[in-house]
Structure formats: structure tokens, C-alpha cells
Protein backbone atom coordinates (compact mmCIF):
# COMPACT_ATOMS: atom_id res chain seq x y z
CA MET A 1 1.89 -1.22 -30.96
CA THR A 2 2.26 -2.30 -34.56
CA SER A 3 0.17 -2.15 -37.69
CA ASN A 4 -2.25 -5.03 -38.00
CA LEU A 5 -0.22 -6.55 -40.83
CA ASN A 6 2.80 -6.73 -38.52
CA TRP A 7 0.90 -8.06 -35.51
CA TRP A 8 3.42 -10.89 -35.22
CA LYS A 9 6.40 -8.60 -34.61
CA GLY A 10 6.57 -8.46 -30.84
CA GLY A 11 3.33 -10.43 -30.68
CA ILE A 12 2.48 -13.03 -28.04
CA ILE A 13 1.50 -16.47 -29.32
CA TYR A 14 -0.24 -18.96 -27.03
CA GLN A 15 0.59 -22.55 -27.90
CA ILE A 16 -2.18 -25.12 -27.58
CA TYR A 17 -1.43 -28.84 -27.58
CA PRO A 18 -4.83 -29.98 -28.89
CA ARG A 19 -4.79 -33.49 -27.40
CA SER A 20 -4.51 -31.99 -23.94
CA TYR A 21 -6.43 -28.72 -23.94
CA MET A 22 -10.14 -29.58 -23.66
CA ASP A 23 -12.12 -32.75 -24.41
CA SER A 24 -15.62 -31.88 -25.62
CA ASN A 25 -16.91 -35.38 -26.45
CA GLY A 26 -15.73 -37.52 -23.54
CA ASP A 27 -13.19 -39.72 -25.30
CA GLY A 28 -10.25 -38.63 -23.15
CA VAL A 29 -8.57 -36.64 -25.94
CA GLY A 30 -8.81 -32.90 -26.51
CA ASP A 31 -10.43 -31.65 -29.71
CA LEU A 32 -11.29 -28.58 -31.78
CA LYS A 33 -14.70 -28.02 -30.23
CA GLY A 34 -13.02 -28.13 -26.84
CA ILE A 35 -10.50 -25.51 -27.94
CA THR A 36 -13.28 -23.32 -29.34
CA SER A 37 -15.09 -23.48 -26.01
CA LYS A 38 -12.02 -22.09 -24.24
CA LEU A 39 -11.06 -19.30 -26.65
CA ASP A 40 -12.70 -16.66 -24.46
CA TYR A 41 -10.26 -17.68 -21.72
CA VAL A 42 -7.30 -17.46 -24.10
CA ALA A 43 -8.41 -14.03 -25.28
CA SER A 44 -8.69 -12.88 -21.66
CA LEU A 45 -4.94 -13.42 -21.27
CA GLY A 46 -4.26 -10.58 -23.70
CA VAL A 47 -2.28 -12.64 -26.20
CA ASP A 48 -2.31 -11.98 -29.94
CA ALA A 49 -2.57 -15.46 -31.43
CA ILE A 50 -2.90 -19.17 -30.86
CA TRP A 51 -0.67 -21.85 -32.36
CA LEU A 52 -2.10 -25.35 -32.61
CA SER A 53 0.19 -28.35 -32.61
CA PRO A 54 -0.71 -30.74 -35.48
CA ILE A 55 -4.37 -31.55 -36.00
CA PHE A 56 -4.05 -33.23 -39.42
CA THR A 57 -4.96 -36.80 -40.31
CA SER A 58 -2.32 -39.06 -38.81
CA PRO A 59 -1.71 -42.58 -37.45
CA MET A 60 -0.49 -40.69 -34.36
CA LYS A 61 2.71 -42.65 -33.90
CA ASP A 62 4.32 -39.29 -33.10
CA PHE A 63 1.04 -37.65 -32.09
CA GLY A 64 0.35 -35.76 -35.28
CA TYR A 65 3.90 -34.97 -36.31
CA ASP A 66 3.49 -37.87 -38.73
CA VAL A 67 0.97 -36.55 -41.26
CA SER A 68 -0.91 -38.85 -43.62
CA ASP A 69 -3.18 -36.15 -45.12
CA TYR A 70 -2.06 -32.52 -45.13
CA ARG A 71 -5.50 -31.20 -46.06
CA ASP A 72 -7.83 -32.76 -43.54
CA ILE A 73 -8.46 -32.86 -39.80
CA ASP A 74 -7.92 -36.10 -37.93
CA PRO A 75 -11.32 -37.40 -36.76
CA MET A 76 -9.90 -37.50 -33.24
CA PHE A 77 -9.97 -33.70 -33.27
CA GLY A 78 -13.14 -33.16 -35.31
CA SER A 79 -13.74 -32.01 -38.86
CA LEU A 80 -12.83 -29.24 -41.26
CA SER A 81 -16.15 -27.65 -40.33
CA ASP A 82 -15.10 -27.65 -36.66
CA PHE A 83 -11.81 -26.07 -37.68
CA LYS A 84 -13.53 -23.31 -39.64
CA ASN A 85 -15.82 -22.61 -36.69
CA MET A 86 -12.80 -22.38 -34.39
CA VAL A 87 -11.01 -19.96 -36.73
CA ASN A 88 -14.13 -17.80 -37.02
CA ARG A 89 -14.56 -17.65 -33.24
CA ALA A 90 -10.90 -16.84 -32.72
CA HIS A 91 -11.11 -14.00 -35.21
CA GLU A 92 -14.25 -12.67 -33.52
CA LEU A 93 -12.21 -12.48 -30.30
CA GLY A 94 -9.30 -10.75 -32.01
CA LEU A 95 -7.06 -13.81 -31.94
CA LYS A 96 -4.93 -14.86 -34.91
CA VAL A 97 -4.67 -18.59 -35.68
CA MET A 98 -1.42 -20.38 -36.53
CA VAL A 99 -1.15 -24.08 -37.34
CA ASP A 100 1.79 -26.46 -37.33
CA GLN A 101 3.27 -27.46 -40.67
CA VAL A 102 5.34 -30.65 -40.65
CA ILE A 103 6.68 -30.75 -44.18
CA SER A 104 10.21 -32.12 -43.73
CA HIS A 105 8.73 -35.61 -43.40
CA SER A 106 5.38 -37.37 -43.61
CA SER A 107 3.87 -40.51 -42.20
CA ASP A 108 4.76 -43.76 -43.93
CA GLN A 109 1.00 -44.10 -44.38
CA HIS A 110 0.81 -41.00 -46.57
CA PRO A 111 -0.26 -41.93 -50.14
CA TRP A 112 2.88 -40.25 -51.46
CA PHE A 113 5.12 -42.66 -49.58
CA GLU A 114 2.96 -45.70 -50.23
CA GLU A 115 3.44 -45.03 -53.93
CA SER A 116 7.10 -44.05 -53.65
CA ARG A 117 8.13 -47.30 -51.96
CA GLN A 118 6.59 -49.57 -54.62
CA ASP A 119 9.50 -49.38 -57.08
CA LYS A 120 12.14 -47.04 -58.50
CA THR A 121 10.13 -45.92 -61.54
CA ASN A 122 6.73 -44.76 -60.22
CA PRO A 123 5.75 -41.04 -60.42
CA LYS A 124 6.57 -40.54 -56.71
CA ALA A 125 9.77 -42.63 -56.79
CA ASP A 126 11.95 -39.58 -56.11
CA TRP A 127 9.65 -37.82 -53.64
CA TYR A 128 11.47 -39.28 -50.62
CA VAL A 129 15.16 -39.70 -49.78
CA TRP A 130 16.18 -43.14 -51.04
CA ALA A 131 19.72 -44.50 -51.19
CA ASP A 132 21.46 -47.76 -52.06
CA PRO A 133 23.18 -49.74 -49.33
CA LYS A 134 26.92 -49.98 -49.02
CA PRO A 135 28.38 -53.11 -50.67
CA ASP A 136 28.15 -54.91 -47.32
CA GLY A 137 24.43 -54.07 -47.04
CA SER A 138 24.85 -51.51 -44.29
CA PRO A 139 23.25 -48.04 -44.36
CA PRO A 140 24.60 -45.42 -46.78
CA ASN A 141 26.29 -43.36 -44.07
CA ASN A 142 26.52 -42.66 -40.34
CA TRP A 143 23.56 -40.28 -40.02
CA LEU A 144 21.52 -40.85 -36.86
CA SER A 145 17.86 -40.43 -36.00
CA ILE A 146 17.05 -38.04 -33.16
CA PHE A 147 14.76 -40.76 -31.81
CA GLY A 148 17.57 -43.31 -31.65
CA GLY A 149 19.59 -45.55 -33.96
CA SER A 150 20.40 -45.12 -37.62
CA ALA A 151 18.51 -42.52 -39.66
CA TRP A 152 18.12 -45.14 -42.41
CA LYS A 153 15.47 -47.86 -42.70
CA TRP A 154 15.70 -50.76 -45.15
CA ASP A 155 12.82 -51.29 -47.56
CA SER A 156 12.66 -54.75 -49.13
CA ARG A 157 10.57 -53.67 -52.14
CA ARG A 158 13.02 -51.14 -53.52
CA LEU A 159 16.08 -52.84 -51.99
CA GLN A 160 17.08 -49.43 -50.76
CA TYR A 161 17.20 -47.44 -47.54
CA TYR A 162 15.00 -44.42 -46.88
CA LEU A 163 15.97 -41.53 -44.63
CA HIS A 164 14.09 -40.78 -41.41
CA ASN A 165 15.43 -38.13 -39.05
CA PHE A 166 12.81 -39.11 -36.50
CA LEU A 167 10.75 -42.33 -36.26
CA GLU A 168 11.08 -45.09 -38.86
CA SER A 169 7.45 -44.32 -39.68
CA GLN A 170 8.38 -40.70 -40.57
CA PRO A 171 10.22 -40.86 -43.92
CA ASP A 172 11.94 -37.67 -45.03
CA LEU A 173 10.65 -35.93 -48.15
CA ASN A 174 13.15 -35.09 -50.89
CA PHE A 175 13.13 -31.30 -51.19
CA HIS A 176 15.66 -31.45 -54.00
CA ASN A 177 12.65 -32.51 -56.10
CA PRO A 178 10.80 -29.35 -57.28
CA GLU A 179 7.51 -31.26 -57.32
CA VAL A 180 7.86 -31.92 -53.60
CA ARG A 181 8.55 -28.27 -52.89
CA GLN A 182 5.52 -27.18 -54.90
CA ALA A 183 3.23 -29.77 -53.32
CA SER A 184 4.30 -28.62 -49.85
CA LEU A 185 3.59 -24.99 -50.68
CA ASP A 186 0.25 -25.93 -52.21
CA ASN A 187 -0.72 -27.69 -48.98
CA MET A 188 0.16 -24.58 -46.99
CA ARG A 189 -1.85 -22.45 -49.40
CA PHE A 190 -4.88 -24.69 -48.69
CA TRP A 191 -4.86 -23.57 -45.03
CA LEU A 192 -4.16 -19.94 -45.90
CA ASP A 193 -7.25 -20.00 -48.10
CA LEU A 194 -9.22 -21.30 -45.10
CA GLY A 195 -8.22 -18.20 -43.18
CA VAL A 196 -5.27 -19.18 -41.01
CA ASP A 197 -2.92 -16.34 -40.11
CA GLY A 198 0.35 -18.21 -40.15
CA PHE A 199 2.39 -21.33 -39.57
CA ARG A 200 4.74 -22.75 -37.02
CA LEU A 201 7.23 -24.70 -39.13
CA ASP A 202 8.45 -27.90 -37.54
CA THR A 203 12.18 -28.63 -37.93
CA VAL A 204 12.52 -25.85 -40.49
CA ASN A 205 16.23 -26.50 -41.07
CA PHE A 206 15.71 -30.20 -41.90
CA TYR A 207 14.17 -29.83 -45.34
CA PHE A 208 17.28 -30.51 -47.41
CA HIS A 209 20.08 -33.07 -47.12
CA SER A 210 23.43 -33.32 -48.89
CA GLN A 211 22.95 -35.36 -52.03
CA GLY A 212 26.52 -36.62 -51.62
CA LEU A 213 25.41 -38.47 -48.44
CA GLU A 214 28.75 -37.76 -46.75
CA ASP A 215 29.34 -39.03 -43.21
CA ASN A 216 28.84 -36.42 -40.49
CA PRO A 217 32.03 -35.68 -38.53
CA PRO A 218 32.14 -36.07 -34.74
CA VAL A 219 31.75 -33.03 -32.51
CA PRO A 220 35.30 -31.87 -31.73
CA SER A 221 36.36 -32.40 -28.15
CA GLY A 222 35.33 -29.51 -25.94
CA GLU A 223 32.94 -27.93 -28.43
CA PRO A 224 29.21 -27.55 -27.65
CA LYS A 225 26.84 -30.27 -28.76
CA THR A 226 23.69 -29.67 -30.77
CA MET A 227 20.68 -28.26 -28.92
CA GLY A 228 17.25 -29.84 -29.09
CA ALA A 229 18.26 -33.35 -28.00
CA PRO A 230 19.38 -34.70 -24.61
CA HIS A 231 23.15 -34.83 -24.30
CA ASP A 232 23.04 -38.57 -23.55
CA ASN A 233 21.53 -39.12 -27.00
CA PRO A 234 24.20 -40.29 -29.51
CA TYR A 235 22.66 -37.87 -32.02
CA THR A 236 24.46 -35.05 -30.19
CA TYR A 237 27.86 -36.69 -30.74
CA GLN A 238 27.85 -35.69 -34.42
CA ARG A 239 28.40 -32.31 -36.03
CA HIS A 240 25.37 -32.14 -38.32
CA VAL A 241 27.02 -30.84 -41.47
CA TYR A 242 25.38 -32.94 -44.15
CA ASP A 243 21.95 -34.04 -42.87
CA LEU A 244 20.41 -30.63 -42.08
CA SER A 245 20.77 -26.84 -42.43
CA ARG A 246 21.89 -27.12 -46.02
CA PRO A 247 22.39 -23.94 -48.08
CA GLU A 248 19.61 -24.93 -50.52
CA ASN A 249 17.13 -24.35 -47.71
CA LEU A 250 17.49 -20.59 -48.06
CA ASP A 251 16.12 -20.55 -51.60
CA PHE A 252 13.12 -22.61 -50.55
CA LEU A 253 12.39 -20.30 -47.62
CA LYS A 254 12.46 -17.36 -50.02
CA GLU A 255 9.99 -19.21 -52.23
CA MET A 256 7.78 -19.80 -49.20
CA ARG A 257 7.98 -16.13 -48.20
CA ARG A 258 6.85 -15.02 -51.64
CA MET A 259 3.77 -17.17 -51.20
CA MET A 260 3.11 -15.84 -47.70
CA ASP A 261 3.39 -12.27 -49.01
CA GLU A 262 0.37 -13.00 -51.20
CA TYR A 263 -1.60 -13.20 -47.92
CA PRO A 264 -0.90 -9.89 -46.11
CA GLY A 265 -0.84 -10.14 -42.34
CA THR A 266 0.23 -13.80 -42.24
CA THR A 267 3.44 -15.00 -40.63
CA THR A 268 5.85 -17.88 -40.13
CA VAL A 269 7.84 -18.98 -37.10
CA GLY A 270 10.42 -21.69 -37.63
CA GLU A 271 11.73 -24.22 -35.14
CA ILE A 272 15.53 -24.44 -35.37
CA GLY A 273 17.43 -27.34 -33.81
CA ASP A 274 21.02 -26.91 -34.93
CA ASP A 275 24.65 -27.05 -33.85
CA PHE A 276 24.82 -23.25 -34.25
CA PRO A 277 21.22 -22.12 -33.74
CA LEU A 278 21.70 -18.35 -33.55
CA GLU A 279 23.69 -18.31 -36.77
CA ARG A 280 20.89 -20.27 -38.40
CA MET A 281 18.27 -17.89 -37.01
CA ALA A 282 20.20 -14.97 -38.49
CA GLN A 283 20.31 -16.69 -41.87
CA TYR A 284 16.64 -17.63 -41.86
CA THR A 285 15.04 -14.43 -40.54
CA SER A 286 17.25 -11.62 -41.85
CA GLY A 287 16.52 -9.45 -44.86
CA GLY A 288 12.72 -9.71 -44.72
CA ASP A 289 12.63 -12.31 -47.51
CA LYS A 290 12.59 -15.66 -45.67
CA LEU A 291 11.01 -16.55 -42.32
CA HIS A 292 9.32 -13.80 -40.35
CA MET A 293 10.75 -15.19 -37.10
CA ALA A 294 12.30 -18.31 -35.59
CA TYR A 295 13.01 -19.87 -32.22
CA THR A 296 15.93 -21.90 -30.96
CA PHE A 297 16.52 -24.02 -27.86
CA ASP A 298 18.83 -21.48 -26.17
CA LEU A 299 16.26 -20.76 -23.44
CA LEU A 300 14.56 -24.14 -23.68
CA ASN A 301 17.54 -25.97 -22.17
CA LYS A 302 18.57 -26.35 -18.53
CA PRO A 303 21.18 -23.56 -18.20
CA HIS A 304 19.58 -20.43 -16.80
CA SER A 305 22.10 -18.60 -14.65
CA PRO A 306 22.12 -14.81 -15.04
CA GLU A 307 25.48 -15.16 -16.81
CA TYR A 308 24.06 -17.72 -19.25
CA ILE A 309 21.04 -15.54 -20.05
CA ARG A 310 23.22 -12.48 -20.56
CA ASN A 311 25.45 -14.46 -22.92
CA VAL A 312 22.45 -15.61 -24.94
CA LEU A 313 21.32 -11.98 -25.30
CA LYS A 314 24.85 -10.83 -26.12
CA ASN A 315 25.21 -13.49 -28.80
CA MET A 316 21.74 -12.71 -30.13
CA ASN A 317 22.69 -9.06 -30.61
CA GLU A 318 26.01 -9.87 -32.23
CA ILE A 319 24.79 -12.65 -34.53
CA VAL A 320 21.13 -12.20 -35.43
CA GLY A 321 21.30 -8.58 -36.61
CA ASP A 322 18.02 -7.55 -38.25
CA GLY A 323 16.61 -11.06 -37.86
CA TRP A 324 13.70 -11.58 -35.49
CA PRO A 325 13.63 -14.15 -32.67
CA CYS A 326 10.57 -15.73 -31.11
CA TRP A 327 11.31 -16.60 -27.49
CA ALA A 328 9.92 -19.55 -25.56
CA LEU A 329 10.67 -20.99 -22.13
CA SER A 330 8.28 -23.94 -22.40
CA ASN A 331 6.66 -25.96 -25.16
CA HIS A 332 5.45 -29.47 -26.00
CA ASP A 333 9.02 -30.81 -26.39
CA VAL A 334 10.78 -29.74 -23.18
CA VAL A 335 10.39 -29.92 -19.40
CA ARG A 336 8.17 -27.09 -18.19
CA VAL A 337 10.13 -24.04 -17.09
CA SER A 338 8.60 -24.08 -13.59
CA THR A 339 10.49 -27.33 -13.04
CA ARG A 340 13.42 -27.01 -15.44
CA TRP A 341 14.51 -23.59 -14.15
CA GLY A 342 12.35 -23.15 -11.06
CA GLU A 343 13.08 -26.32 -9.10
CA GLY A 344 13.98 -25.33 -5.54
CA GLN A 345 12.67 -21.79 -6.11
CA ASP A 346 9.47 -20.12 -4.89
CA ALA A 347 6.75 -21.91 -6.88
CA GLN A 348 4.55 -18.80 -7.04
CA ALA A 349 7.16 -16.11 -7.58
CA TYR A 350 9.60 -17.79 -9.96
CA PRO A 351 7.17 -18.42 -12.85
CA LEU A 352 6.23 -14.72 -12.84
CA ILE A 353 9.81 -13.43 -12.99
CA ALA A 354 10.52 -15.95 -15.76
CA MET A 355 7.47 -14.57 -17.56
CA ALA A 356 8.79 -11.04 -17.07
CA LEU A 357 12.07 -12.07 -18.71
CA ILE A 358 10.50 -13.48 -21.84
CA LEU A 359 7.99 -10.62 -22.14
CA SER A 360 10.78 -8.05 -21.93
CA LEU A 361 13.16 -9.38 -24.60
CA ARG A 362 13.55 -8.15 -28.15
CA GLY A 363 11.40 -10.45 -30.26
CA SER A 364 8.07 -12.21 -30.23
CA VAL A 365 6.91 -14.59 -27.51
CA CYS A 366 5.48 -18.09 -27.37
CA LEU A 367 3.67 -19.08 -24.18
CA TYR A 368 2.73 -22.72 -23.64
CA GLN A 369 -0.64 -23.78 -22.25
CA GLY A 370 -0.52 -23.88 -18.45
CA GLU A 371 2.56 -21.66 -18.26
CA GLU A 372 0.27 -18.87 -17.10
CA LEU A 373 -0.74 -21.13 -14.18
CA GLY A 374 2.84 -22.00 -13.20
CA LEU A 375 2.25 -25.70 -13.77
CA PRO A 376 5.25 -27.92 -12.93
CA GLU A 377 6.35 -30.86 -15.05
CA SER A 378 4.22 -33.94 -14.47
CA ASP A 379 5.84 -37.19 -13.42
CA VAL A 380 4.18 -39.71 -15.74
CA PRO A 381 4.78 -43.32 -14.64
CA PHE A 382 6.48 -45.60 -17.16
CA GLU A 383 3.35 -47.68 -17.70
CA ARG A 384 1.48 -44.54 -18.84
CA ILE A 385 4.24 -43.19 -21.11
CA GLN A 386 2.97 -42.53 -24.63
CA ASP A 387 5.89 -40.67 -26.20
CA PRO A 388 7.88 -42.90 -28.60
CA TYR A 389 10.92 -40.73 -27.92
CA GLY A 390 10.88 -41.47 -24.20
CA ILE A 391 10.35 -45.22 -24.08
CA PRO A 392 13.76 -46.36 -25.43
CA LEU A 393 15.73 -43.74 -23.45
CA TRP A 394 13.96 -44.33 -20.12
CA PRO A 395 14.73 -43.62 -17.28
CA VAL A 396 17.49 -41.06 -17.96
CA PHE A 397 15.22 -39.31 -20.47
CA LYS A 398 11.53 -39.76 -19.74
CA GLY A 399 10.23 -38.36 -22.99
CA ARG A 400 7.96 -35.38 -23.46
CA ASP A 401 4.76 -36.61 -21.82
CA GLY A 402 5.43 -34.69 -18.60
CA CYS A 403 4.73 -31.36 -20.32
CA ARG A 404 1.80 -32.73 -22.36
CA THR A 405 -0.58 -33.80 -19.59
CA PRO A 406 -4.09 -32.29 -19.67
CA MET A 407 -4.78 -28.64 -18.96
CA VAL A 408 -6.50 -28.24 -15.58
CA TRP A 409 -9.63 -26.13 -15.67
CA GLU A 410 -11.04 -26.94 -12.23
CA ASN A 411 -10.12 -28.76 -9.03
CA SER A 412 -12.15 -31.88 -9.72
CA ALA A 413 -11.87 -35.32 -11.27
CA GLN A 414 -9.75 -35.12 -14.44
CA GLY A 415 -9.26 -31.40 -13.80
CA GLY A 416 -12.37 -30.49 -15.79
CA PHE A 417 -10.52 -31.58 -18.94
CA SER A 418 -12.66 -34.65 -19.61
CA SER A 419 -15.42 -36.78 -18.17
CA VAL A 420 -13.28 -39.92 -18.50
CA GLU A 421 -9.70 -40.97 -17.81
CA PRO A 422 -7.65 -38.98 -20.33
CA TRP A 423 -4.93 -40.19 -22.67
CA LEU A 424 -2.30 -38.97 -20.20
CA PRO A 425 -2.99 -38.76 -16.46
CA VAL A 426 -3.92 -35.47 -14.80
CA ASP A 427 -1.26 -34.52 -12.25
CA ALA A 428 -2.85 -34.24 -8.80
CA ARG A 429 -0.42 -31.40 -7.98
CA HIS A 430 -1.95 -29.38 -10.82
CA LEU A 431 -5.51 -29.44 -9.46
CA PRO A 432 -5.09 -26.69 -6.81
CA MET A 433 -3.45 -24.60 -9.57
CA SER A 434 -6.41 -24.93 -11.97
CA VAL A 435 -7.91 -22.02 -13.86
CA ALA A 436 -11.03 -21.95 -11.65
CA GLU A 437 -8.98 -21.99 -8.43
CA GLN A 438 -6.74 -19.16 -9.63
CA GLU A 439 -9.57 -17.10 -11.09
CA ALA A 440 -11.13 -17.09 -7.60
CA LYS A 441 -7.99 -15.70 -5.91
CA ALA A 442 -7.17 -12.06 -6.54
CA ASP A 443 -3.44 -12.56 -5.87
CA SER A 444 -3.05 -15.72 -7.97
CA LEU A 445 -0.31 -16.19 -10.53
CA LEU A 446 -2.91 -16.24 -13.31
CA HIS A 447 -4.15 -12.76 -12.43
CA LYS A 448 -0.57 -11.50 -12.11
CA VAL A 449 0.37 -12.93 -15.50
CA ARG A 450 -2.75 -11.46 -17.10
CA ASN A 451 -1.91 -8.05 -15.62
CA LEU A 452 1.73 -8.29 -16.72
CA ILE A 453 0.75 -9.19 -20.29
CA LYS A 454 -1.77 -6.34 -20.47
CA TRP A 455 0.86 -3.90 -19.18
CA ARG A 456 3.55 -5.18 -21.55
CA GLN A 457 1.27 -4.84 -24.56
CA GLN A 458 1.00 -1.12 -23.79
CA GLN A 459 4.79 -0.54 -23.77
CA PRO A 460 6.07 0.10 -27.31
CA GLU A 461 9.67 -0.22 -26.14
CA LEU A 462 9.05 -3.80 -24.93
CA VAL A 463 7.04 -4.80 -28.00
CA ASN A 464 9.20 -3.32 -30.75
CA GLY A 465 12.38 -1.93 -29.26
CA GLU A 466 16.02 -2.82 -29.78
CA LEU A 467 17.97 -4.33 -26.86
CA GLN A 468 21.33 -3.51 -25.33
CA LEU A 469 22.75 -5.15 -22.22
CA LEU A 470 23.17 -2.87 -19.20
CA ASP A 471 25.87 -3.17 -16.53
CA VAL A 472 24.39 -2.63 -13.06
CA ASN A 473 27.43 -3.84 -11.07
CA ASN A 474 25.77 -7.07 -9.93
CA GLU A 475 26.43 -10.35 -11.71
CA GLN A 476 23.30 -11.91 -10.17
CA LEU A 477 21.00 -9.63 -12.17
CA VAL A 478 19.91 -9.61 -15.80
CA ALA A 479 19.68 -6.03 -17.04
CA PHE A 480 19.20 -4.42 -20.42
CA VAL A 481 17.73 -1.38 -22.13
CA ARG A 482 14.89 -1.52 -24.66
CA SER A 483 14.86 1.42 -27.08
CA TYR A 484 12.13 2.51 -29.48
CA GLU A 485 11.71 5.79 -31.36
CA GLY A 486 13.88 7.73 -28.96
CA SER A 487 12.39 6.29 -25.78
CA ASN A 488 14.53 4.04 -23.57
CA VAL A 489 13.39 1.71 -20.79
CA ALA A 490 15.85 -0.08 -18.50
CA VAL A 491 14.78 -3.57 -17.41
CA VAL A 492 16.41 -5.12 -14.34
CA LEU A 493 15.45 -8.65 -13.34
CA ASN A 494 16.26 -10.48 -10.12
CA MET A 495 15.62 -14.16 -10.83
CA THR A 496 17.24 -15.27 -7.57
CA GLY A 497 15.77 -15.99 -4.14
CA GLU A 498 17.83 -13.27 -2.45
CA THR A 499 17.52 -9.49 -2.36
CA GLN A 500 19.90 -7.88 -4.85
CA ALA A 501 21.24 -4.34 -5.14
CA ALA A 502 22.07 -2.60 -8.40
CA GLN A 503 23.49 0.71 -9.53
CA LEU A 504 21.92 2.70 -12.33
CA THR A 505 24.79 4.74 -13.70
CA VAL A 506 22.73 6.08 -16.61
CA PRO A 507 20.45 9.12 -16.27
CA TYR A 508 16.95 7.99 -15.43
CA GLY A 509 13.47 9.37 -15.01
CA GLU A 510 10.35 7.68 -13.72
CA VAL A 511 10.07 4.15 -12.39
CA LEU A 512 7.28 2.56 -14.38
CA GLN A 513 4.36 1.11 -12.45
CA GLY A 514 1.45 -1.18 -13.19
CA HIS A 515 3.36 -4.37 -13.94
CA GLY A 516 2.98 -5.82 -10.45
CA PHE A 517 6.62 -5.99 -9.34
CA LEU A 518 8.24 -4.33 -6.33
CA SER A 519 11.53 -2.45 -6.16
CA ALA A 520 13.04 0.64 -4.59
CA LEU A 521 15.17 3.18 -6.45
CA LYS A 522 16.88 6.07 -4.70
CA ALA A 523 19.77 8.17 -5.98
CA GLY A 524 20.66 5.55 -8.54
CA GLU A 525 20.70 2.73 -5.99
CA LEU A 526 18.20 0.01 -6.86
CA GLU A 527 17.06 -2.65 -4.41
CA LEU A 528 15.26 -5.66 -5.82
CA PRO A 529 13.64 -8.19 -3.46
CA PRO A 530 13.70 -11.88 -4.52
CA TYR A 531 12.05 -12.63 -7.87
CA GLN A 532 11.28 -8.98 -8.60
CA ALA A 533 11.75 -6.75 -11.63
CA CYS A 534 12.14 -3.04 -12.17
CA TYR A 535 11.31 -1.01 -15.29
CA VAL A 536 12.79 2.49 -15.40
CA ARG A 537 12.35 5.09 -18.13
CA LEU A 538 15.71 6.62 -18.85
CA ALA A 539 16.20 10.35 -19.17
């Protein structure tokens, strides 16, 4: 569909959460050798790339999103040699490899921070965000941590506070310091030189803060709260004007892009959690000189009515312009879409129509491990909860462990993931949905997803085309047209459990086949059974 250098544009990226994909050494935790052993399976799905959540050396207080060495593999996952072997095998199979980069903050065990906190005059003194207390000893301002409480932690050595947007053990780096920016780019270059094809950039709009340390204002009454955090989290009560999404970030992203351009065929996808995410996506991905693509939480939240989805697409068209989105319905931070959107729906049919939605939108796609199996969210008991985000907010918010439980490869003890009890429990409901069980059934969701992906990859309109909403005189349907090089394909999706009728008032030609969905079109009248899609080439 695209030149090899632009594989990412319209590409499908399969996200692997390494701790939970495959345990090769029987310690209950997934690892690189385990991932390598399953790459043939990933390639069989027809995706373009894999993205690995963090595998770097870390005390694992936030499961790798607290990095203590940006240039080495945590022994839990293996070695640099194991990583190189995995990359080589992926490339042999035609898969690109993307790795997480968590550069807005480090672990408090990183040597940079251990030096920085010693005093105010050491060479790394200004590498993190330090600030004096108010005269009464309280924190410098009202900024909050996403994980709860103040975003400031007192340090008795420097007699100052340091900023942490997440855990206290995740101090924020000071990107106003050019040495920090250069060191971060140098660390990324290390992995590019090892052959990786791109990066997923964690919290890409968090790199800079306002040096004036002004208080954030409250969210005005009636206005939407920030996405990416539960609405019962006080973090969402503030309008995040001064602690993130600062204008200086744009210059740094341009600097990063210049480096990436030295490695043709590589790419970046940024995670954006913001009060106005689509505006930020437009800023960060437009013009071809910053991020290649970005994703927001617009389709990773609970709302999913046809009207909501249409509004997201409408806003995307109006706001993002020539920017490029990367869509996801599930990932390691949110409740799995089979539960979040599909609760009360047909457990076999709903995941496939949700997959059809994301595979038909303008942009690239991230699929999360197990999404191809239709796995529901796991209910992890409190005593097994590992996520530091979930423990203090329990039981209203149960953390992110429910989407991070082990991948199920077979219907047996521990789901074929490990020979021992894993770090998170295997959900018994997942076992009949395992890879082996679904491979053995010709009409399984896995086979349907694989077929749908293969078909989609052969449709240039769906991979590269522009998108315009289409009115089909039925508010229960999501409909749009994808256009590419003079060819137009209408996409009509029925994500409800009831048969829906639609009217195609535009001239049309053939109804495309091969995707696995059922519909009937006669004289412009379209009938869509529950959870079905129709693709029609327009005249």
C-alpha cells in the first residue's frame, strides 16, 4: 500500500506487554525469548510492526515506566543479546520493531537523579525539576500527580521539592536544560543504531513545564475534564495549563524528528493525555516535521455511542488537518474494549465489529495483545493487585492490572504462558478463548480477525485514504467514505445488537466482499444485521 519507508502510515502495530506475553524461563514473568518464540504467531496476524512496552533496567515500581538505565535490558526480560536476536527474527518475518521511550521522567534510582539530589551545585543539579518551598514549607504550587496527591516531593538533602507527575519514585526531567534534551536523544539513537524501527513515546506532551510554576486553574463548570485519568481522580479537576503541553515542546519534537530522519523508515507515535487532545495531536503531527503520528484517549474512554464516534471523527477532520492519528481501542492502561464497550453485547460478534471500526478509520492502528482473541477485562482480586495506580483508588478504580494479565496460548494450567503461577493471575474465562482453542475452530474470532486484517491490508482506500462522514439516514450507524487516488469506498458499521437499515443516496457500484461481514444492498437500501459492516465502492 505504501513505500517501505512509509510503512507506518496506515500501518498496524501490535502492542506487546512483555511481562505478560510469554515466559520462557519459568519465573512467572514474560521475557524477550518468550516474545521471540511467538513472533511467527504475530506475523500470521498480518500486522506490520510490534511495539514493546518498556524492557529497560528498572526497579519496576511502575513496571518499567520508571527507567534506571536507558541503554540496557532489565535482567527480568533477558539481555541485549536477547533483544538483538528478537529484532533479527522480527525483521526476518517482515515485522518492524518499536520500543517504548519514557523520557519525561526517570526512576529515582537512575544515576542522573542520584547525583542531582545530592546538592544544588553538582553537574546534574539542574537535570530535574527542583523548586523551593513556599515560605510556609508547602509545595511550590497546586500541581497534582496523576497517581494521587501533590506532584511535588520534599527532598531533605537539597531542602527543595522535586516534580513528579506520576509516582514519587518517578522524578521529572528538566527539558529546559539542553543537556537533558541531548542526553535523551542520544539514548534514543542508541536503540536506532541497534536496528529498532521506531518509538512509542510515553506522555509525549509532558516533557516541559512552565518555569514560572504558576498554579493550574480549575476546570470551568460544565467543561470537559482531561482524558487519560478517571473522572473521580482530583487530577481531572484542574485545567492543565502550566504543567504539560507547553509550547517549548514543539521545538524539541522538531529536534527529535531531525534525528529520526537520519534513519529512513523509522517512526514515532506519541501518547497524548491532554485537556484538548485533538488540538494537541494536530500540533504534534502536522507539517511532517514533528511526530509521525500520535494517539489520544478519545476512543480509549467509555463513551462509544454511534453519535459519540461520529463526533470524534468529525472533530478529527476539522482539527487535525494533515496530521496523522494512530487509533487504539485497547492498551495496557485502559479496560479492554470487549468489556469497556462490549459489556452486554454479543461476546463473539462485538469485538469483530469494533475491530472493523478501527481498521477502517483514517490513520494507523494499534492492536493490543489478546484483542484479536476478544479477551474481556480480568477481575484481579485486591490481594493480587500489583498496579501502584490502582491500590490507593480501590475499589472505584481498580488500576490497570485487569488488562495486563497473561496472554493465553492454550487451555491449560497458566494458559500456556508459564510453568508456574505468574505475576498476575490467568483469568479462567480466558482459557476457552486461548490461541490454541481458536486456531482449532474455523469460525473463531481469531480467524475472522486474521481474515479481516489481510483483507484490509489490500484496500488502499482503507490504508491511506481521506475520510468524510456519510449520512445514511440512521443515527444508530457509523458511516463514512474513504477516498484514495480517485477511488471511494463507503463504510457502514452497525455496532448495535439490532438489525439496522440505511439509505445510500450516493451513486454506488460493487459491494466489496472478502472481509467476512454480511449485509444486503438493493436499490440503495442497505440492511445490516447486528454487529455487521458493509463496504461499498462508490461509482
